[in-house]
Amino acid sequence: MPNIKSAIKRTKTIEKRRAQRASQKSDLRTSVRSFEKAVAASDVALAKSTLLVAVKKLDKAASKGLIHKNAANRQKSRLMKKLNVLSAPVA
């Protein structure tokens, strides 16, 4: 535990931000998981709507620096692929 007043304040703000980022990351993972759940259930309509939410959250996380932009783009690409496979006509 720091003794200097500014270091004490800094520790508080770091802890607050860490908790906030953990919550945001958890929310992000939850939205991706809900999309994958919809894909597993073969529900195209639900998958499309949850994909929009997941993509929006991934973009926002990347713009805020929560995750790297390439990581966000990679995840979005993988999610889109899953939706395309699901909604592709079966031959």
N, C-alpha and C. Protein backbone atom coordinates (compact mmCIF):
# COMPACT_ATOMS: atom_id res chain seq x y z
N MET A 1 0.85 -1.19 0.00
CA MET A 1 0.00 0.00 0.00
C MET A 1 0.89 1.24 0.00
N PRO A 2 0.63 2.17 -0.91
CA PRO A 2 1.47 3.37 -0.99
C PRO A 2 1.21 4.34 0.17
N ASN A 3 2.23 5.14 0.48
CA ASN A 3 2.14 6.13 1.55
C ASN A 3 1.87 7.53 1.02
N ILE A 4 2.29 7.78 -0.20
CA ILE A 4 2.14 9.10 -0.80
C ILE A 4 0.70 9.29 -1.27
N LYS A 5 0.18 10.50 -1.01
CA LYS A 5 -1.23 10.77 -1.28
C LYS A 5 -1.59 10.57 -2.75
N SER A 6 -0.77 11.06 -3.66
CA SER A 6 -1.06 10.92 -5.09
C SER A 6 -1.02 9.46 -5.52
N ALA A 7 -0.13 8.68 -4.91
CA ALA A 7 -0.03 7.25 -5.22
C ALA A 7 -1.26 6.51 -4.71
N ILE A 8 -1.78 6.93 -3.56
CA ILE A 8 -3.00 6.33 -3.01
C ILE A 8 -4.17 6.60 -3.95
N LYS A 9 -4.28 7.85 -4.42
CA LYS A 9 -5.35 8.22 -5.36
C LYS A 9 -5.22 7.42 -6.65
N ARG A 10 -3.99 7.30 -7.12
CA ARG A 10 -3.74 6.57 -8.37
C ARG A 10 -4.15 5.11 -8.23
N THR A 11 -3.85 4.52 -7.09
CA THR A 11 -4.22 3.13 -6.84
C THR A 11 -5.74 2.97 -6.88
N LYS A 12 -6.46 3.94 -6.30
CA LYS A 12 -7.93 3.89 -6.31
C LYS A 12 -8.47 3.96 -7.73
N THR A 13 -7.93 4.89 -8.53
CA THR A 13 -8.44 5.04 -9.90
C THR A 13 -8.10 3.82 -10.76
N ILE A 14 -6.91 3.26 -10.54
CA ILE A 14 -6.51 2.06 -11.29
C ILE A 14 -7.45 0.91 -10.98
N GLU A 15 -7.77 0.73 -9.70
CA GLU A 15 -8.67 -0.35 -9.29
C GLU A 15 -10.07 -0.15 -9.87
N LYS A 16 -10.52 1.10 -9.86
CA LYS A 16 -11.85 1.41 -10.40
C LYS A 16 -11.91 1.11 -11.90
N ARG A 17 -10.87 1.51 -12.63
CA ARG A 17 -10.81 1.26 -14.07
C ARG A 17 -10.70 -0.23 -14.38
N ARG A 18 -9.91 -0.95 -13.57
CA ARG A 18 -9.75 -2.38 -13.77
C ARG A 18 -11.09 -3.10 -13.64
N ALA A 19 -11.86 -2.70 -12.63
CA ALA A 19 -13.18 -3.30 -12.42
C ALA A 19 -14.12 -2.97 -13.57
N GLN A 20 -14.05 -1.73 -14.05
CA GLN A 20 -14.90 -1.29 -15.14
C GLN A 20 -14.56 -2.04 -16.43
N ARG A 21 -13.28 -2.19 -16.71
CA ARG A 21 -12.85 -2.91 -17.92
C ARG A 21 -13.21 -4.38 -17.84
N ALA A 22 -13.10 -4.97 -16.66
CA ALA A 22 -13.48 -6.38 -16.48
C ALA A 22 -14.96 -6.56 -16.77
N SER A 23 -15.76 -5.62 -16.31
CA SER A 23 -17.20 -5.68 -16.56
C SER A 23 -17.51 -5.54 -18.05
N GLN A 24 -16.83 -4.61 -18.71
CA GLN A 24 -17.06 -4.40 -20.14
C GLN A 24 -16.64 -5.63 -20.95
N LYS A 25 -15.51 -6.23 -20.59
CA LYS A 25 -15.04 -7.43 -21.29
C LYS A 25 -16.01 -8.58 -21.08
N SER A 26 -16.52 -8.70 -19.87
CA SER A 26 -17.48 -9.76 -19.56
C SER A 26 -18.75 -9.57 -20.39
N ASP A 27 -19.22 -8.34 -20.50
CA ASP A 27 -20.40 -8.04 -21.30
C ASP A 27 -20.16 -8.36 -22.77
N LEU A 28 -18.96 -8.07 -23.24
CA LEU A 28 -18.57 -8.37 -24.62
C LEU A 28 -18.61 -9.87 -24.87
N ARG A 29 -18.00 -10.63 -23.97
CA ARG A 29 -17.98 -12.09 -24.11
C ARG A 29 -19.38 -12.67 -24.04
N THR A 30 -20.24 -12.09 -23.20
CA THR A 30 -21.62 -12.56 -23.08
C THR A 30 -22.37 -12.37 -24.38
N SER A 31 -22.18 -11.23 -25.04
CA SER A 31 -22.88 -10.98 -26.30
C SER A 31 -22.40 -11.94 -27.39
N VAL A 32 -21.11 -12.23 -27.41
CA VAL A 32 -20.57 -13.18 -28.39
C VAL A 32 -21.12 -14.59 -28.10
N ARG A 33 -21.18 -14.94 -26.82
CA ARG A 33 -21.70 -16.25 -26.43
C ARG A 33 -23.17 -16.40 -26.78
N SER A 34 -23.95 -15.34 -26.63
CA SER A 34 -25.37 -15.42 -26.97
C SER A 34 -25.56 -15.63 -28.47
N PHE A 35 -24.67 -15.03 -29.28
CA PHE A 35 -24.72 -15.27 -30.72
C PHE A 35 -24.40 -16.73 -31.02
N GLU A 36 -23.35 -17.24 -30.40
CA GLU A 36 -22.96 -18.63 -30.65
C GLU A 36 -24.03 -19.61 -30.18
N LYS A 37 -24.74 -19.25 -29.14
CA LYS A 37 -25.86 -20.07 -28.65
C LYS A 37 -26.98 -20.10 -29.69
N ALA A 38 -27.26 -18.95 -30.30
CA ALA A 38 -28.29 -18.87 -31.33
C ALA A 38 -27.89 -19.68 -32.56
N VAL A 39 -26.61 -19.66 -32.90
CA VAL A 39 -26.11 -20.44 -34.03
C VAL A 39 -26.24 -21.93 -33.73
N ALA A 40 -25.91 -22.32 -32.51
CA ALA A 40 -26.01 -23.73 -32.12
C ALA A 40 -27.46 -24.22 -32.17
N ALA A 41 -28.40 -23.30 -31.90
CA ALA A 41 -29.83 -23.65 -31.94
C ALA A 41 -30.39 -23.54 -33.35
N SER A 42 -29.57 -23.13 -34.31
CA SER A 42 -29.96 -22.95 -35.71
C SER A 42 -31.10 -21.94 -35.88
N ASP A 43 -31.10 -20.92 -35.04
CA ASP A 43 -32.11 -19.86 -35.11
C ASP A 43 -31.51 -18.68 -35.88
N VAL A 44 -31.81 -18.60 -37.17
CA VAL A 44 -31.20 -17.59 -38.04
C VAL A 44 -31.59 -16.17 -37.62
N ALA A 45 -32.87 -15.96 -37.34
CA ALA A 45 -33.34 -14.61 -36.99
C ALA A 45 -32.68 -14.12 -35.70
N LEU A 46 -32.64 -14.98 -34.71
CA LEU A 46 -32.02 -14.60 -33.44
C LEU A 46 -30.52 -14.40 -33.62
N ALA A 47 -29.90 -15.24 -34.44
CA ALA A 47 -28.46 -15.14 -34.69
C ALA A 47 -28.13 -13.79 -35.35
N LYS A 48 -28.96 -13.37 -36.31
CA LYS A 48 -28.71 -12.09 -36.98
C LYS A 48 -28.80 -10.93 -36.01
N SER A 49 -29.83 -10.95 -35.16
CA SER A 49 -30.00 -9.83 -34.23
C SER A 49 -28.90 -9.81 -33.17
N THR A 50 -28.51 -10.99 -32.67
CA THR A 50 -27.45 -11.02 -31.67
C THR A 50 -26.09 -10.71 -32.29
N LEU A 51 -25.93 -11.02 -33.58
CA LEU A 51 -24.68 -10.69 -34.26
C LEU A 51 -24.50 -9.17 -34.33
N LEU A 52 -25.57 -8.46 -34.63
CA LEU A 52 -25.50 -6.99 -34.71
C LEU A 52 -25.04 -6.41 -33.37
N VAL A 53 -25.59 -6.95 -32.29
CA VAL A 53 -25.21 -6.46 -30.95
C VAL A 53 -23.75 -6.78 -30.67
N ALA A 54 -23.34 -8.01 -31.00
CA ALA A 54 -21.96 -8.43 -30.74
C ALA A 54 -20.96 -7.59 -31.55
N VAL A 55 -21.29 -7.35 -32.82
CA VAL A 55 -20.40 -6.55 -33.67
C VAL A 55 -20.28 -5.12 -33.15
N LYS A 56 -21.40 -4.57 -32.72
CA LYS A 56 -21.39 -3.21 -32.18
C LYS A 56 -20.50 -3.13 -30.93
N LYS A 57 -20.63 -4.14 -30.06
CA LYS A 57 -19.84 -4.14 -28.84
C LYS A 57 -18.35 -4.37 -29.13
N LEU A 58 -18.06 -5.22 -30.12
CA LEU A 58 -16.66 -5.44 -30.51
C LEU A 58 -16.04 -4.16 -31.06
N ASP A 59 -16.79 -3.46 -31.91
CA ASP A 59 -16.28 -2.21 -32.47
C ASP A 59 -16.03 -1.17 -31.39
N LYS A 60 -16.97 -1.07 -30.47
CA LYS A 60 -16.84 -0.09 -29.39
C LYS A 60 -15.65 -0.44 -28.50
N ALA A 61 -15.48 -1.72 -28.20
CA ALA A 61 -14.35 -2.16 -27.37
C ALA A 61 -13.02 -1.85 -28.06
N ALA A 62 -12.98 -2.04 -29.37
CA ALA A 62 -11.76 -1.76 -30.12
C ALA A 62 -11.47 -0.26 -30.15
N SER A 63 -12.51 0.54 -30.33
CA SER A 63 -12.29 1.99 -30.38
C SER A 63 -11.88 2.56 -29.03
N LYS A 64 -12.33 1.94 -27.94
CA LYS A 64 -11.97 2.40 -26.59
C LYS A 64 -10.64 1.84 -26.12
N GLY A 65 -10.07 0.89 -26.89
CA GLY A 65 -8.79 0.31 -26.50
C GLY A 65 -8.92 -0.86 -25.55
N LEU A 66 -10.13 -1.37 -25.39
CA LEU A 66 -10.35 -2.51 -24.51
C LEU A 66 -9.73 -3.77 -25.10
N ILE A 67 -9.88 -3.92 -26.43
CA ILE A 67 -9.21 -5.00 -27.16
C ILE A 67 -8.56 -4.38 -28.40
N HIS A 68 -7.61 -5.07 -28.98
CA HIS A 68 -6.92 -4.57 -30.16
C HIS A 68 -7.87 -4.59 -31.35
N LYS A 69 -7.72 -3.62 -32.26
CA LYS A 69 -8.64 -3.54 -33.40
C LYS A 69 -8.56 -4.77 -34.30
N ASN A 70 -7.37 -5.34 -34.44
CA ASN A 70 -7.25 -6.55 -35.26
C ASN A 70 -7.93 -7.74 -34.60
N ALA A 71 -7.87 -7.79 -33.29
CA ALA A 71 -8.55 -8.86 -32.55
C ALA A 71 -10.06 -8.74 -32.73
N ALA A 72 -10.56 -7.51 -32.69
CA ALA A 72 -11.99 -7.28 -32.89
C ALA A 72 -12.40 -7.68 -34.30
N ASN A 73 -11.60 -7.28 -35.29
CA ASN A 73 -11.91 -7.63 -36.68
C ASN A 73 -11.86 -9.13 -36.90
N ARG A 74 -10.91 -9.79 -36.26
CA ARG A 74 -10.81 -11.25 -36.39
C ARG A 74 -12.03 -11.94 -35.79
N GLN A 75 -12.47 -11.48 -34.63
CA GLN A 75 -13.65 -12.06 -34.00
C GLN A 75 -14.90 -11.82 -34.84
N LYS A 76 -15.03 -10.60 -35.37
CA LYS A 76 -16.19 -10.29 -36.21
C LYS A 76 -16.21 -11.18 -37.44
N SER A 77 -15.05 -11.38 -38.04
CA SER A 77 -14.95 -12.22 -39.23
C SER A 77 -15.39 -13.65 -38.93
N ARG A 78 -14.95 -14.17 -37.80
CA ARG A 78 -15.32 -15.54 -37.42
C ARG A 78 -16.81 -15.66 -37.14
N LEU A 79 -17.37 -14.64 -36.52
CA LEU A 79 -18.81 -14.66 -36.24
C LEU A 79 -19.61 -14.59 -37.54
N MET A 80 -19.17 -13.74 -38.46
CA MET A 80 -19.85 -13.62 -39.76
C MET A 80 -19.81 -14.95 -40.52
N LYS A 81 -18.66 -15.62 -40.46
CA LYS A 81 -18.53 -16.92 -41.12
C LYS A 81 -19.55 -17.91 -40.58
N LYS A 82 -19.69 -17.92 -39.26
CA LYS A 82 -20.64 -18.84 -38.62
C LYS A 82 -22.07 -18.54 -39.09
N LEU A 83 -22.40 -17.26 -39.20
CA LEU A 83 -23.74 -16.88 -39.65
C LEU A 83 -23.94 -17.27 -41.11
N ASN A 84 -22.92 -17.06 -41.94
CA ASN A 84 -23.02 -17.42 -43.36
C ASN A 84 -23.21 -18.91 -43.55
N VAL A 85 -22.52 -19.70 -42.77
CA VAL A 85 -22.69 -21.16 -42.85
C VAL A 85 -24.10 -21.55 -42.44
N LEU A 86 -24.61 -20.89 -41.41
CA LEU A 86 -25.95 -21.18 -40.90
C LEU A 86 -27.03 -20.80 -41.89
N SER A 87 -26.89 -19.63 -42.52
CA SER A 87 -27.95 -19.13 -43.39
C SER A 87 -27.77 -19.56 -44.85
N ALA A 88 -26.69 -20.28 -45.16
CA ALA A 88 -26.47 -20.75 -46.52
C ALA A 88 -27.51 -21.83 -46.88
N PRO A 89 -28.02 -21.81 -48.11
CA PRO A 89 -29.00 -22.82 -48.50
C PRO A 89 -28.34 -24.21 -48.54
N VAL A 90 -29.04 -25.17 -48.01
CA VAL A 90 -28.51 -26.55 -47.98
C VAL A 90 -28.75 -27.20 -49.31
N ALA A 91 -27.69 -27.70 -49.92
CA ALA A 91 -27.80 -28.31 -51.24
C ALA A 91 -27.80 -29.82 -51.17
